[in-house]
Amino acid sequence: MTRPDSPAIERVFLTVEEVAEALQIGRTRVFTLIAAREITSVKIGNLRRIPVDAVREYATRLVQLEREAS
């Protein structure tokens, strides 16, 4: 439980499900992007986590590719 006077903690890693929700794609597609090394991920024990910055970088690359294709 978070105390009202405690500062919010900035998230560093996201779960696959959170990335899927943020990008509005499915979990399977996120795993495909990880396998293709289009999105960086790390293992923490048995857990797969994606750095927040990796999601932003992926989105930026998509926008750049779209602009180049136009």
C-alpha atoms as a PDB file:
ATOM      1  CA  MET A   1       0.000   0.000   0.000  1.00  0.00           C
ATOM      2  CA  THR A   2       1.334   3.413  -0.980  1.00  0.00           C
ATOM      3  CA  ARG A   3       1.315   6.114   1.648  1.00  0.00           C
ATOM      4  CA  PRO A   4      -0.254   9.418   0.565  1.00  0.00           C
ATOM      5  CA  ASP A   5       2.940  11.358   1.397  1.00  0.00           C
ATOM      6  CA  SER A   6       5.339   9.006  -0.414  1.00  0.00           C
ATOM      7  CA  PRO A   7       6.604   9.976  -3.886  1.00  0.00           C
ATOM      8  CA  ALA A   8       5.490   7.939  -6.886  1.00  0.00           C
ATOM      9  CA  ILE A   9       8.051   5.462  -8.132  1.00  0.00           C
ATOM     10  CA  GLU A  10       8.943   5.787 -11.799  1.00  0.00           C
ATOM     11  CA  ARG A  11       8.518   2.485 -13.620  1.00  0.00           C
ATOM     12  CA  VAL A  12      11.652   1.216 -15.323  1.00  0.00           C
ATOM     13  CA  PHE A  13      10.363  -2.099 -16.702  1.00  0.00           C
ATOM     14  CA  LEU A  14       7.021  -3.245 -18.072  1.00  0.00           C
ATOM     15  CA  THR A  15       5.492  -6.689 -18.373  1.00  0.00           C
ATOM     16  CA  VAL A  16       4.694  -8.154 -21.782  1.00  0.00           C
ATOM     17  CA  GLU A  17       1.011  -7.572 -21.045  1.00  0.00           C
ATOM     18  CA  GLU A  18       1.613  -3.906 -20.207  1.00  0.00           C
ATOM     19  CA  VAL A  19       3.592  -3.394 -23.420  1.00  0.00           C
ATOM     20  CA  ALA A  20       0.834  -5.073 -25.416  1.00  0.00           C
ATOM     21  CA  GLU A  21      -1.722  -2.748 -23.843  1.00  0.00           C
ATOM     22  CA  ALA A  22       0.450   0.340 -24.400  1.00  0.00           C
ATOM     23  CA  LEU A  23       0.988  -0.501 -28.082  1.00  0.00           C
ATOM     24  CA  GLN A  24      -2.555  -1.840 -28.504  1.00  0.00           C
ATOM     25  CA  ILE A  25      -1.321  -5.173 -29.838  1.00  0.00           C
ATOM     26  CA  GLY A  26      -1.511  -8.741 -28.554  1.00  0.00           C
ATOM     27  CA  ARG A  27       0.864 -10.514 -26.175  1.00  0.00           C
ATOM     28  CA  THR A  28       1.901 -12.913 -28.926  1.00  0.00           C
ATOM     29  CA  ARG A  29       2.932 -10.009 -31.160  1.00  0.00           C
ATOM     30  CA  VAL A  30       5.047  -8.571 -28.317  1.00  0.00           C
ATOM     31  CA  PHE A  31       6.829 -11.918 -27.950  1.00  0.00           C
ATOM     32  CA  THR A  32       7.366 -11.945 -31.730  1.00  0.00           C
ATOM     33  CA  LEU A  33       8.910  -8.455 -31.566  1.00  0.00           C
ATOM     34  CA  ILE A  34      11.169  -9.598 -28.722  1.00  0.00           C
ATOM     35  CA  ALA A  35      12.258 -12.716 -30.645  1.00  0.00           C
ATOM     36  CA  ALA A  36      13.002 -10.575 -33.718  1.00  0.00           C
ATOM     37  CA  ARG A  37      14.967  -8.186 -31.476  1.00  0.00           C
ATOM     38  CA  GLU A  38      12.787  -5.284 -32.519  1.00  0.00           C
ATOM     39  CA  ILE A  39      12.085  -4.563 -28.843  1.00  0.00           C
ATOM     40  CA  THR A  40      14.754  -5.067 -26.185  1.00  0.00           C
ATOM     41  CA  SER A  41      13.859  -7.210 -23.196  1.00  0.00           C
ATOM     42  CA  VAL A  42      15.608  -8.699 -20.191  1.00  0.00           C
ATOM     43  CA  LYS A  43      15.033 -11.703 -17.985  1.00  0.00           C
ATOM     44  CA  ILE A  44      14.814 -11.188 -14.250  1.00  0.00           C
ATOM     45  CA  GLY A  45      14.768 -14.703 -12.885  1.00  0.00           C
ATOM     46  CA  ASN A  46      11.996 -16.394 -14.868  1.00  0.00           C
ATOM     47  CA  LEU A  47      10.274 -13.110 -15.695  1.00  0.00           C
ATOM     48  CA  ARG A  48      10.514 -11.307 -19.043  1.00  0.00           C
ATOM     49  CA  ARG A  49      10.557  -7.517 -18.715  1.00  0.00           C
ATOM     50  CA  ILE A  50      10.794  -4.722 -21.267  1.00  0.00           C
ATOM     51  CA  PRO A  51      12.467  -1.394 -20.448  1.00  0.00           C
ATOM     52  CA  VAL A  52      10.099   1.561 -20.797  1.00  0.00           C
ATOM     53  CA  ASP A  53      12.656   3.277 -23.051  1.00  0.00           C
ATOM     54  CA  ALA A  54      12.676   0.267 -25.402  1.00  0.00           C
ATOM     55  CA  VAL A  55       8.947   0.695 -26.010  1.00  0.00           C
ATOM     56  CA  ARG A  56       9.377   4.407 -26.730  1.00  0.00           C
ATOM     57  CA  GLU A  57      12.301   3.714 -29.081  1.00  0.00           C
ATOM     58  CA  TYR A  58      10.270   1.102 -30.960  1.00  0.00           C
ATOM     59  CA  ALA A  59       7.358   3.526 -31.371  1.00  0.00           C
ATOM     60  CA  THR A  60       9.735   6.246 -32.595  1.00  0.00           C
ATOM     61  CA  ARG A  61      11.233   3.859 -35.188  1.00  0.00           C
ATOM     62  CA  LEU A  62       7.736   2.973 -36.431  1.00  0.00           C
ATOM     63  CA  VAL A  63       6.870   6.637 -36.905  1.00  0.00           C
ATOM     64  CA  GLN A  64      10.152   7.300 -38.715  1.00  0.00           C
ATOM     65  CA  LEU A  65       9.583   4.336 -41.044  1.00  0.00           C
ATOM     66  CA  GLU A  66       6.079   5.548 -41.784  1.00  0.00           C
ATOM     67  CA  ARG A  67       7.375   9.028 -42.618  1.00  0.00           C
ATOM     68  CA  GLU A  68      10.087   7.622 -44.880  1.00  0.00           C
ATOM     69  CA  ALA A  69       7.526   5.493 -46.726  1.00  0.00           C
ATOM     70  CA  SER A  70       5.299   8.525 -47.404  1.00  0.00           C
END
